[in-house]
């Protein structure tokens, strides 16, 4: 038996808010086809993520990973800042 962790979900999104100490709000936008009509739709979700070093700023593109519950809202943590805001 191997002691390996299960694979965690990883998402890429844009930081929309820095809400308090060590917390960022990441908006994930996804384009998917409507099941019946075939038109492309844009759906978005907001995730509260843990940012230990407070490195991400508003407008940055970041990669977040699913983790244990950190607080009431935070179930994700920041892996890396992919691209800084211009």
C-alpha atoms as a PDB file:
ATOM      1  CA  UNK A   1       0.000   0.000   0.000  1.00  0.00           C
ATOM      2  CA  UNK A   2       1.373   3.412  -0.964  1.00  0.00           C
ATOM      3  CA  UNK A   3       0.822   6.505   1.143  1.00  0.00           C
ATOM      4  CA  UNK A   4      -0.022   8.978  -1.608  1.00  0.00           C
ATOM      5  CA  UNK A   5      -2.454  11.855  -1.321  1.00  0.00           C
ATOM      6  CA  UNK A   6      -5.468  12.097  -3.576  1.00  0.00           C
ATOM      7  CA  UNK A   7      -5.176  14.551  -6.442  1.00  0.00           C
ATOM      8  CA  UNK A   8      -6.428  18.023  -5.563  1.00  0.00           C
ATOM      9  CA  UNK A   9      -8.456  20.262  -7.871  1.00  0.00           C
ATOM     10  CA  UNK A  10      -6.410  23.075  -9.403  1.00  0.00           C
ATOM     11  CA  UNK A  11      -8.030  26.166 -10.927  1.00  0.00           C
ATOM     12  CA  UNK A  12      -6.695  29.306 -12.615  1.00  0.00           C
ATOM     13  CA  UNK A  13      -8.424  32.646 -12.165  1.00  0.00           C
ATOM     14  CA  UNK A  14      -8.127  36.381 -11.566  1.00  0.00           C
ATOM     15  CA  UNK A  15      -7.882  38.003  -8.132  1.00  0.00           C
ATOM     16  CA  UNK A  16     -10.890  40.314  -7.729  1.00  0.00           C
ATOM     17  CA  UNK A  17     -10.416  41.302  -4.093  1.00  0.00           C
ATOM     18  CA  UNK A  18      -7.910  41.134  -1.257  1.00  0.00           C
ATOM     19  CA  UNK A  19     -10.304  40.671   1.643  1.00  0.00           C
ATOM     20  CA  UNK A  20      -8.481  40.827   4.933  1.00  0.00           C
ATOM     21  CA  UNK A  21      -5.207  39.333   6.071  1.00  0.00           C
ATOM     22  CA  UNK A  22      -3.981  36.359   4.023  1.00  0.00           C
ATOM     23  CA  UNK A  23      -7.237  36.018   2.065  1.00  0.00           C
ATOM     24  CA  UNK A  24      -7.897  36.644  -1.616  1.00  0.00           C
ATOM     25  CA  UNK A  25     -11.055  36.266  -3.672  1.00  0.00           C
ATOM     26  CA  UNK A  26     -10.425  34.562  -7.026  1.00  0.00           C
ATOM     27  CA  UNK A  27     -12.953  34.645  -9.877  1.00  0.00           C
ATOM     28  CA  UNK A  28     -12.910  31.577 -12.118  1.00  0.00           C
ATOM     29  CA  UNK A  29     -14.503  32.173 -15.534  1.00  0.00           C
ATOM     30  CA  UNK A  30     -15.517  29.213 -17.632  1.00  0.00           C
ATOM     31  CA  UNK A  31     -16.916  29.166 -21.151  1.00  0.00           C
ATOM     32  CA  UNK A  32     -19.178  26.242 -21.913  1.00  0.00           C
ATOM     33  CA  UNK A  33     -21.718  25.327 -24.527  1.00  0.00           C
ATOM     34  CA  UNK A  34     -25.428  25.443 -23.689  1.00  0.00           C
ATOM     35  CA  UNK A  35     -26.721  21.850 -23.583  1.00  0.00           C
ATOM     36  CA  UNK A  36     -29.794  22.479 -25.751  1.00  0.00           C
ATOM     37  CA  UNK A  37     -29.117  25.554 -27.897  1.00  0.00           C
ATOM     38  CA  UNK A  38     -25.364  25.231 -28.424  1.00  0.00           C
ATOM     39  CA  UNK A  39     -24.597  28.893 -27.717  1.00  0.00           C
ATOM     40  CA  UNK A  40     -21.389  29.561 -25.779  1.00  0.00           C
ATOM     41  CA  UNK A  41     -22.091  30.855 -22.274  1.00  0.00           C
ATOM     42  CA  UNK A  42     -19.769  32.404 -19.710  1.00  0.00           C
ATOM     43  CA  UNK A  43     -20.194  31.276 -16.129  1.00  0.00           C
ATOM     44  CA  UNK A  44     -18.113  32.489 -13.203  1.00  0.00           C
ATOM     45  CA  UNK A  45     -17.487  31.392  -9.631  1.00  0.00           C
ATOM     46  CA  UNK A  46     -15.822  33.189  -6.741  1.00  0.00           C
ATOM     47  CA  UNK A  47     -13.430  31.243  -4.526  1.00  0.00           C
ATOM     48  CA  UNK A  48     -11.925  32.449  -1.260  1.00  0.00           C
ATOM     49  CA  UNK A  49      -8.292  31.355  -1.134  1.00  0.00           C
ATOM     50  CA  UNK A  50      -5.553  31.401   1.503  1.00  0.00           C
ATOM     51  CA  UNK A  51      -2.522  33.547   0.582  1.00  0.00           C
ATOM     52  CA  UNK A  52       0.133  32.906   3.249  1.00  0.00           C
ATOM     53  CA  UNK A  53       2.726  35.501   2.143  1.00  0.00           C
ATOM     54  CA  UNK A  54       0.172  38.097   0.900  1.00  0.00           C
ATOM     55  CA  UNK A  55       1.854  38.080  -2.532  1.00  0.00           C
ATOM     56  CA  UNK A  56      -1.181  38.351  -4.826  1.00  0.00           C
ATOM     57  CA  UNK A  57      -2.770  41.674  -5.726  1.00  0.00           C
ATOM     58  CA  UNK A  58      -5.995  42.658  -7.450  1.00  0.00           C
ATOM     59  CA  UNK A  59      -5.905  41.812 -11.166  1.00  0.00           C
ATOM     60  CA  UNK A  60      -3.231  39.121 -10.888  1.00  0.00           C
ATOM     61  CA  UNK A  61      -3.788  35.789 -12.609  1.00  0.00           C
ATOM     62  CA  UNK A  62      -3.242  33.055 -10.035  1.00  0.00           C
ATOM     63  CA  UNK A  63      -3.375  29.282  -9.661  1.00  0.00           C
ATOM     64  CA  UNK A  64      -5.227  27.891  -6.630  1.00  0.00           C
ATOM     65  CA  UNK A  65      -5.473  24.375  -5.220  1.00  0.00           C
ATOM     66  CA  UNK A  66      -8.185  22.705  -3.172  1.00  0.00           C
ATOM     67  CA  UNK A  67      -7.237  22.168   0.463  1.00  0.00           C
ATOM     68  CA  UNK A  68      -8.672  21.459   3.888  1.00  0.00           C
ATOM     69  CA  UNK A  69     -11.102  24.045   5.290  1.00  0.00           C
ATOM     70  CA  UNK A  70      -9.073  27.021   6.564  1.00  0.00           C
ATOM     71  CA  UNK A  71     -12.096  29.006   7.759  1.00  0.00           C
ATOM     72  CA  UNK A  72     -15.828  29.325   7.121  1.00  0.00           C
ATOM     73  CA  UNK A  73     -15.324  30.350   3.481  1.00  0.00           C
ATOM     74  CA  UNK A  74     -11.736  29.343   2.587  1.00  0.00           C
ATOM     75  CA  UNK A  75     -11.325  25.900   1.004  1.00  0.00           C
ATOM     76  CA  UNK A  76      -8.566  26.846  -1.483  1.00  0.00           C
ATOM     77  CA  UNK A  77      -4.959  27.972  -1.203  1.00  0.00           C
ATOM     78  CA  UNK A  78      -2.689  29.945  -3.505  1.00  0.00           C
ATOM     79  CA  UNK A  79      -0.062  27.916  -5.362  1.00  0.00           C
ATOM     80  CA  UNK A  80       1.522  30.563  -7.557  1.00  0.00           C
ATOM     81  CA  UNK A  81       1.005  33.926  -9.225  1.00  0.00           C
ATOM     82  CA  UNK A  82       0.954  33.134 -12.947  1.00  0.00           C
ATOM     83  CA  UNK A  83       0.890  36.722 -14.214  1.00  0.00           C
ATOM     84  CA  UNK A  84       1.046  40.083 -12.469  1.00  0.00           C
ATOM     85  CA  UNK A  85      -1.522  42.810 -13.192  1.00  0.00           C
ATOM     86  CA  UNK A  86      -0.316  45.470 -15.589  1.00  0.00           C
END
